[in-house]
Amino acid sequence: MAGFFFDSSATIKRYVRESGTNWTIALFRNSNQNSFYTARITLAEVISTFSRRLKNQSLSPSQTSKAKTRFRRTF
Protein backbone atom coordinates (compact mmCIF):
# COMPACT_ATOMS: atom_id res chain seq x y z
CA MET A 1 0.00 0.00 0.00
CA ALA A 2 1.27 3.49 -0.90
CA GLY A 3 0.17 7.00 -0.08
CA PHE A 4 0.25 9.82 -2.62
CA PHE A 5 -0.07 13.56 -2.02
CA PHE A 6 -1.57 15.41 -4.97
CA ASP A 7 -1.17 19.17 -5.26
CA SER A 8 -3.46 21.07 -7.61
CA SER A 9 -1.19 20.70 -10.66
CA ALA A 10 -1.12 16.92 -10.23
CA THR A 11 -4.86 16.79 -9.55
CA ILE A 12 -5.67 18.70 -12.76
CA LYS A 13 -4.04 15.93 -14.77
CA ARG A 14 -6.83 13.58 -13.78
CA TYR A 15 -9.47 15.82 -15.36
CA VAL A 16 -7.73 17.63 -18.23
CA ARG A 17 -5.52 16.02 -20.88
CA GLU A 18 -1.92 17.16 -20.56
CA SER A 19 1.51 15.69 -20.01
CA GLY A 20 1.24 13.17 -17.17
CA THR A 21 -2.48 12.49 -17.53
CA ASN A 22 -2.07 8.84 -18.52
CA TRP A 23 0.19 8.12 -15.54
CA THR A 24 -2.22 9.85 -13.15
CA ILE A 25 -5.25 7.98 -14.48
CA ALA A 26 -3.38 4.67 -14.27
CA LEU A 27 -2.36 5.42 -10.69
CA PHE A 28 -5.98 5.92 -9.66
CA ARG A 29 -7.15 2.91 -11.65
CA ASN A 30 -4.69 0.68 -9.80
CA SER A 31 -5.47 2.20 -6.41
CA ASN A 32 -6.90 -0.85 -4.66
CA GLN A 33 -4.47 -0.46 -1.80
CA ASN A 34 -3.32 3.14 -2.33
CA SER A 35 -4.35 6.26 -0.45
CA PHE A 36 -4.56 9.73 -1.98
CA TYR A 37 -4.21 12.98 -0.07
CA THR A 38 -4.59 16.63 -0.97
CA ALA A 39 -4.72 19.97 0.83
CA ARG A 40 -8.06 21.71 1.38
CA ILE A 41 -6.93 24.63 -0.78
CA THR A 42 -6.75 22.24 -3.74
CA LEU A 43 -10.52 22.55 -4.22
CA ALA A 44 -10.29 26.30 -4.85
CA GLU A 45 -7.09 26.02 -6.89
CA VAL A 46 -8.44 23.35 -9.22
CA ILE A 47 -11.78 25.09 -9.82
CA SER A 48 -9.85 28.32 -10.45
CA THR A 49 -7.63 26.55 -12.98
CA PHE A 50 -10.64 25.17 -14.85
CA SER A 51 -12.13 28.67 -15.01
CA ARG A 52 -8.84 30.21 -16.18
CA ARG A 53 -8.53 27.60 -18.92
CA LEU A 54 -12.09 28.35 -20.03
CA LYS A 55 -11.28 32.06 -20.15
CA ASN A 56 -8.13 31.53 -22.25
CA GLN A 57 -10.04 29.03 -24.40
CA SER A 58 -7.84 26.01 -23.74
CA LEU A 59 -11.02 24.28 -22.50
CA SER A 60 -14.47 24.54 -24.06
CA PRO A 61 -17.50 25.37 -21.91
CA SER A 62 -18.65 21.73 -22.02
CA GLN A 63 -15.17 20.41 -21.14
CA THR A 64 -14.99 22.85 -18.23
CA SER A 65 -18.41 21.88 -16.94
CA LYS A 66 -17.64 18.17 -17.19
CA ALA A 67 -14.24 18.58 -15.48
CA LYS A 68 -15.74 20.62 -12.63
CA THR A 69 -18.54 18.12 -12.09
CA ARG A 70 -16.19 15.12 -12.05
CA PHE A 71 -13.73 16.88 -9.75
CA ARG A 72 -16.40 17.97 -7.24
CA ARG A 73 -17.83 14.46 -7.16
CA THR A 74 -14.39 13.00 -6.43
CA PHE A 75 -13.27 15.69 -4.00
C-alpha atoms as a PDB file:
ATOM      1  CA  MET A   1       0.000   0.000   0.000  1.00  0.00           C
ATOM      2  CA  ALA A   2       1.267   3.486  -0.901  1.00  0.00           C
ATOM      3  CA  GLY A   3       0.173   7.005  -0.079  1.00  0.00           C
ATOM      4  CA  PHE A   4       0.253   9.820  -2.616  1.00  0.00           C
ATOM      5  CA  PHE A   5      -0.071  13.558  -2.024  1.00  0.00           C
ATOM      6  CA  PHE A   6      -1.571  15.409  -4.973  1.00  0.00           C
ATOM      7  CA  ASP A   7      -1.173  19.169  -5.258  1.00  0.00           C
ATOM      8  CA  SER A   8      -3.460  21.075  -7.610  1.00  0.00           C
ATOM      9  CA  SER A   9      -1.195  20.701 -10.662  1.00  0.00           C
ATOM     10  CA  ALA A  10      -1.117  16.922 -10.225  1.00  0.00           C
ATOM     11  CA  THR A  11      -4.860  16.793  -9.549  1.00  0.00           C
ATOM     12  CA  ILE A  12      -5.667  18.702 -12.758  1.00  0.00           C
ATOM     13  CA  LYS A  13      -4.042  15.928 -14.775  1.00  0.00           C
ATOM     14  CA  ARG A  14      -6.828  13.577 -13.780  1.00  0.00           C
ATOM     15  CA  TYR A  15      -9.473  15.817 -15.361  1.00  0.00           C
ATOM     16  CA  VAL A  16      -7.726  17.634 -18.228  1.00  0.00           C
ATOM     17  CA  ARG A  17      -5.519  16.018 -20.882  1.00  0.00           C
ATOM     18  CA  GLU A  18      -1.917  17.158 -20.565  1.00  0.00           C
ATOM     19  CA  SER A  19       1.514  15.688 -20.005  1.00  0.00           C
ATOM     20  CA  GLY A  20       1.245  13.167 -17.166  1.00  0.00           C
ATOM     21  CA  THR A  21      -2.480  12.488 -17.532  1.00  0.00           C
ATOM     22  CA  ASN A  22      -2.069   8.839 -18.523  1.00  0.00           C
ATOM     23  CA  TRP A  23       0.190   8.122 -15.544  1.00  0.00           C
ATOM     24  CA  THR A  24      -2.216   9.848 -13.149  1.00  0.00           C
ATOM     25  CA  ILE A  25      -5.246   7.980 -14.475  1.00  0.00           C
ATOM     26  CA  ALA A  26      -3.380   4.666 -14.267  1.00  0.00           C
ATOM     27  CA  LEU A  27      -2.358   5.418 -10.692  1.00  0.00           C
ATOM     28  CA  PHE A  28      -5.983   5.916  -9.659  1.00  0.00           C
ATOM     29  CA  ARG A  29      -7.146   2.908 -11.646  1.00  0.00           C
ATOM     30  CA  ASN A  30      -4.694   0.676  -9.799  1.00  0.00           C
ATOM     31  CA  SER A  31      -5.466   2.204  -6.412  1.00  0.00           C
ATOM     32  CA  ASN A  32      -6.903  -0.849  -4.662  1.00  0.00           C
ATOM     33  CA  GLN A  33      -4.473  -0.465  -1.795  1.00  0.00           C
ATOM     34  CA  ASN A  34      -3.322   3.144  -2.334  1.00  0.00           C
ATOM     35  CA  SER A  35      -4.348   6.261  -0.448  1.00  0.00           C
ATOM     36  CA  PHE A  36      -4.564   9.732  -1.981  1.00  0.00           C
ATOM     37  CA  TYR A  37      -4.207  12.979  -0.073  1.00  0.00           C
ATOM     38  CA  THR A  38      -4.587  16.633  -0.967  1.00  0.00           C
ATOM     39  CA  ALA A  39      -4.722  19.974   0.829  1.00  0.00           C
ATOM     40  CA  ARG A  40      -8.056  21.705   1.378  1.00  0.00           C
ATOM     41  CA  ILE A  41      -6.933  24.632  -0.782  1.00  0.00           C
ATOM     42  CA  THR A  42      -6.746  22.244  -3.738  1.00  0.00           C
ATOM     43  CA  LEU A  43     -10.516  22.548  -4.217  1.00  0.00           C
ATOM     44  CA  ALA A  44     -10.287  26.299  -4.848  1.00  0.00           C
ATOM     45  CA  GLU A  45      -7.086  26.025  -6.889  1.00  0.00           C
ATOM     46  CA  VAL A  46      -8.436  23.350  -9.223  1.00  0.00           C
ATOM     47  CA  ILE A  47     -11.779  25.088  -9.820  1.00  0.00           C
ATOM     48  CA  SER A  48      -9.853  28.316 -10.453  1.00  0.00           C
ATOM     49  CA  THR A  49      -7.630  26.546 -12.984  1.00  0.00           C
ATOM     50  CA  PHE A  50     -10.639  25.170 -14.852  1.00  0.00           C
ATOM     51  CA  SER A  51     -12.132  28.673 -15.006  1.00  0.00           C
ATOM     52  CA  ARG A  52      -8.843  30.212 -16.175  1.00  0.00           C
ATOM     53  CA  ARG A  53      -8.532  27.604 -18.917  1.00  0.00           C
ATOM     54  CA  LEU A  54     -12.086  28.350 -20.033  1.00  0.00           C
ATOM     55  CA  LYS A  55     -11.278  32.063 -20.152  1.00  0.00           C
ATOM     56  CA  ASN A  56      -8.126  31.535 -22.246  1.00  0.00           C
ATOM     57  CA  GLN A  57     -10.040  29.030 -24.403  1.00  0.00           C
ATOM     58  CA  SER A  58      -7.840  26.009 -23.743  1.00  0.00           C
ATOM     59  CA  LEU A  59     -11.022  24.285 -22.495  1.00  0.00           C
ATOM     60  CA  SER A  60     -14.468  24.539 -24.058  1.00  0.00           C
ATOM     61  CA  PRO A  61     -17.498  25.365 -21.905  1.00  0.00           C
ATOM     62  CA  SER A  62     -18.647  21.729 -22.017  1.00  0.00           C
ATOM     63  CA  GLN A  63     -15.170  20.409 -21.139  1.00  0.00           C
ATOM     64  CA  THR A  64     -14.993  22.853 -18.230  1.00  0.00           C
ATOM     65  CA  SER A  65     -18.413  21.880 -16.936  1.00  0.00           C
ATOM     66  CA  LYS A  66     -17.635  18.172 -17.188  1.00  0.00           C
ATOM     67  CA  ALA A  67     -14.241  18.576 -15.477  1.00  0.00           C
ATOM     68  CA  LYS A  68     -15.738  20.625 -12.625  1.00  0.00           C
ATOM     69  CA  THR A  69     -18.545  18.119 -12.090  1.00  0.00           C
ATOM     70  CA  ARG A  70     -16.191  15.121 -12.051  1.00  0.00           C
ATOM     71  CA  PHE A  71     -13.733  16.877  -9.752  1.00  0.00           C
ATOM     72  CA  ARG A  72     -16.399  17.972  -7.242  1.00  0.00           C
ATOM     73  CA  ARG A  73     -17.831  14.458  -7.163  1.00  0.00           C
ATOM     74  CA  THR A  74     -14.393  12.998  -6.428  1.00  0.00           C
ATOM     75  CA  PHE A  75     -13.275  15.685  -4.000  1.00  0.00           C
END
